[in-house]
């Protein structure tokens, strides 16, 4: 599965979810949610011809581990999983879901540890946070060859453009004003 859009809208509330169902976006990222909402959200997303990428670490009522990943794949038929956890990414890949490894690159030590993690998980995409570090986006992409999603602290169209120019495939953002661009 290839993500062919420059903006990946990240949903934080139901009003935004409903708005995005009528949008041209194929992929939607579900951030904050409760496990009791997932079945309905997944069915509605599929009904509207959309693909749902679920951030496992932010689902209330669900532990972010390999069992949760398996449960999401089997019970809710989501299209992809985003997580900081290696076990979630490995399970997502095993189940044929899009696997997005989320990395918080706060310093050189975190970057070094991330490279080791990526060798183990080999995700389909890497989400680099914060996404406003063009040189780091370029470096991670060049060192791994894995497509990059830039997320976190993306506030303006200039931030989006800089991330894309640095080699990001797309930008994840919950800023609704950026959804109408690109």
Protein backbone atom coordinates (compact mmCIF):
# COMPACT_ATOMS: atom_id res chain seq x y z
CA UNK A 1 0.00 0.00 0.00
CA UNK A 2 1.43 3.33 -1.02
CA UNK A 3 0.30 6.61 0.46
CA UNK A 4 -0.26 8.97 -2.47
CA UNK A 5 -1.23 12.16 -0.71
CA UNK A 6 0.96 14.95 0.68
CA UNK A 7 -1.18 15.63 3.76
CA UNK A 8 -2.35 12.87 6.10
CA UNK A 9 -5.12 14.44 8.16
CA UNK A 10 -4.94 13.34 11.79
CA UNK A 11 -8.33 13.14 13.50
CA UNK A 12 -8.77 14.26 17.09
CA UNK A 13 -12.59 14.55 17.23
CA UNK A 14 -15.73 13.24 15.57
CA UNK A 15 -16.58 16.55 13.88
CA UNK A 16 -13.31 16.39 11.97
CA UNK A 17 -13.86 12.70 11.21
CA UNK A 18 -17.24 13.46 9.63
CA UNK A 19 -15.78 16.33 7.61
CA UNK A 20 -12.98 14.14 6.28
CA UNK A 21 -15.38 11.43 5.13
CA UNK A 22 -16.53 13.87 2.45
CA UNK A 23 -12.99 14.93 1.51
CA UNK A 24 -10.75 13.73 -1.31
CA UNK A 25 -8.30 12.18 1.13
CA UNK A 26 -7.93 8.42 0.83
CA UNK A 27 -5.95 7.89 4.06
CA UNK A 28 -7.04 9.20 7.46
CA UNK A 29 -5.08 8.97 10.71
CA UNK A 30 -7.03 8.30 13.89
CA UNK A 31 -5.28 9.78 16.91
CA UNK A 32 -7.32 10.08 20.07
CA UNK A 33 -10.13 7.57 20.35
CA UNK A 34 -11.69 5.02 22.65
CA UNK A 35 -11.79 1.32 21.86
CA UNK A 36 -15.61 1.39 21.97
CA UNK A 37 -15.65 3.75 18.95
CA UNK A 38 -13.35 1.76 16.70
CA UNK A 39 -15.79 -0.68 15.13
CA UNK A 40 -18.16 2.09 14.06
CA UNK A 41 -15.32 4.34 12.85
CA UNK A 42 -13.73 1.54 10.86
CA UNK A 43 -17.01 0.53 9.19
CA UNK A 44 -17.89 4.14 8.37
CA UNK A 45 -14.44 4.78 6.93
CA UNK A 46 -14.66 1.74 4.66
CA UNK A 47 -18.21 2.64 3.63
CA UNK A 48 -16.87 5.99 2.38
CA UNK A 49 -13.98 4.36 0.50
CA UNK A 50 -11.32 5.61 2.92
CA UNK A 51 -8.41 3.85 4.58
CA UNK A 52 -7.97 4.16 8.35
CA UNK A 53 -4.53 4.32 9.98
CA UNK A 54 -4.88 3.91 13.74
CA UNK A 55 -2.39 5.27 16.23
CA UNK A 56 -2.34 2.30 18.63
CA UNK A 57 -0.53 4.17 21.41
CA UNK A 58 -3.38 6.71 21.67
CA UNK A 59 -6.40 4.38 21.81
CA UNK A 60 -7.97 4.52 25.25
CA UNK A 61 -8.90 1.16 26.72
CA UNK A 62 -6.35 -0.72 24.65
CA UNK A 63 -2.81 -1.65 25.60
CA UNK A 64 -0.26 -0.81 22.91
CA UNK A 65 1.23 -4.26 22.37
CA UNK A 66 1.25 -7.08 19.80
CA UNK A 67 -2.06 -8.46 21.11
CA UNK A 68 -3.73 -5.09 20.53
CA UNK A 69 -2.30 -4.97 17.01
CA UNK A 70 -3.65 -8.42 16.26
CA UNK A 71 -7.05 -7.48 17.73
CA UNK A 72 -7.23 -4.29 15.61
CA UNK A 73 -6.33 -6.24 12.47
CA UNK A 74 -8.83 -9.04 13.03
CA UNK A 75 -11.78 -7.33 14.70
CA UNK A 76 -11.77 -3.89 13.11
CA UNK A 77 -10.02 -4.55 9.79
CA UNK A 78 -8.09 -1.29 9.98
CA UNK A 79 -5.70 -0.54 7.11
CA UNK A 80 -2.62 0.41 9.07
CA UNK A 81 -1.13 0.90 12.50
CA UNK A 82 1.09 3.66 13.86
CA UNK A 83 3.11 3.05 17.01
CA UNK A 84 6.35 3.69 18.84
CA UNK A 85 6.36 0.01 19.88
CA UNK A 86 8.37 -2.53 17.89
CA UNK A 87 5.99 -5.39 18.75
CA UNK A 88 3.03 -3.47 17.28
CA UNK A 89 4.91 -2.74 14.06
CA UNK A 90 6.10 -6.34 13.66
CA UNK A 91 2.55 -7.65 14.21
CA UNK A 92 1.09 -5.11 11.76
CA UNK A 93 3.51 -6.31 9.10
CA UNK A 94 2.72 -9.95 9.84
CA UNK A 95 -1.01 -9.20 9.44
CA UNK A 96 -0.51 -7.39 6.13
CA UNK A 97 -1.32 -3.94 7.48
CA UNK A 98 0.55 -0.76 6.70
CA UNK A 99 3.14 -0.47 9.48
CA UNK A 100 4.24 3.02 10.52
CA UNK A 101 7.01 3.30 13.11
CA UNK A 102 6.67 6.55 15.06
CA UNK A 103 9.97 8.05 16.24
CA UNK A 104 10.48 10.92 18.68
CA UNK A 105 13.88 12.26 17.64
CA UNK A 106 14.74 14.51 20.56
CA UNK A 107 18.54 14.17 20.50
CA UNK A 108 21.46 12.24 18.97
CA UNK A 109 20.98 9.35 21.37
CA UNK A 110 17.33 8.93 20.34
CA UNK A 111 18.35 9.05 16.69
CA UNK A 112 20.99 6.35 17.19
CA UNK A 113 18.55 4.08 19.08
CA UNK A 114 15.97 4.65 16.35
CA UNK A 115 18.29 3.32 13.67
CA UNK A 116 18.72 0.09 15.66
CA UNK A 117 14.95 -0.18 16.12
CA UNK A 118 14.32 0.35 12.40
CA UNK A 119 16.73 -2.44 11.48
CA UNK A 120 14.59 -4.75 13.60
CA UNK A 121 11.10 -3.58 12.57
CA UNK A 122 11.63 -2.60 8.90
CA UNK A 123 8.37 -0.61 8.79
CA UNK A 124 6.61 0.50 5.61
CA UNK A 125 6.88 4.13 6.75
CA UNK A 126 8.64 6.07 9.48
CA UNK A 127 6.85 8.97 11.17
CA UNK A 128 9.50 11.47 12.31
CA UNK A 129 8.59 13.76 15.19
CA UNK A 130 8.93 16.65 15.40
CA UNK A 131 8.37 17.07 11.69
CA UNK A 132 9.94 20.51 11.53
CA UNK A 133 13.52 19.21 11.24
CA UNK A 134 14.29 19.06 7.50
CA UNK A 135 17.94 17.95 7.90
CA UNK A 136 16.89 15.04 10.13
CA UNK A 137 14.10 14.04 7.73
CA UNK A 138 16.68 13.92 4.92
CA UNK A 139 19.20 12.00 7.03
CA UNK A 140 16.73 9.36 8.21
CA UNK A 141 15.40 8.84 4.70
CA UNK A 142 18.90 8.58 3.19
CA UNK A 143 20.12 6.21 5.93
CA UNK A 144 17.11 3.88 5.85
CA UNK A 145 15.58 4.13 2.38
CA UNK A 146 12.18 3.96 4.11
CA UNK A 147 9.54 6.58 3.20
CA UNK A 148 9.16 9.32 5.81
CA UNK A 149 6.05 10.92 7.25
CA UNK A 150 6.72 14.18 9.10
CA UNK A 151 4.51 14.95 12.09
CA UNK A 152 4.40 17.11 15.16
CA UNK A 153 4.72 20.89 15.34
CA UNK A 154 3.74 21.29 11.69
CA UNK A 155 1.95 24.64 11.92
CA UNK A 156 2.16 26.33 8.53
CA UNK A 157 2.18 25.59 4.82
CA UNK A 158 5.87 26.55 4.89
CA UNK A 159 6.45 23.80 7.48
CA UNK A 160 4.67 21.34 5.19
CA UNK A 161 6.70 22.43 2.15
CA UNK A 162 10.03 22.26 4.02
CA UNK A 163 9.27 18.72 5.23
CA UNK A 164 8.28 17.59 1.73
CA UNK A 165 11.32 19.29 0.18
CA UNK A 166 13.52 17.46 2.71
CA UNK A 167 12.24 14.12 1.45
CA UNK A 168 9.09 13.40 3.44
CA UNK A 169 6.46 11.50 1.47
CA UNK A 170 3.68 13.21 3.43
CA UNK A 171 2.96 15.26 6.53
CA UNK A 172 0.63 14.12 9.31
CA UNK A 173 -1.26 17.00 10.90
CA UNK A 174 -4.32 17.63 13.03
CA UNK A 175 -4.36 21.31 12.00
CA UNK A 176 -7.56 21.49 9.98
CA UNK A 177 -6.47 24.68 8.21
CA UNK A 178 -3.64 22.72 6.57
CA UNK A 179 -5.98 19.98 5.30
CA UNK A 180 -7.31 22.17 2.52
CA UNK A 181 -3.85 22.69 1.03
CA UNK A 182 -2.03 20.42 -1.43
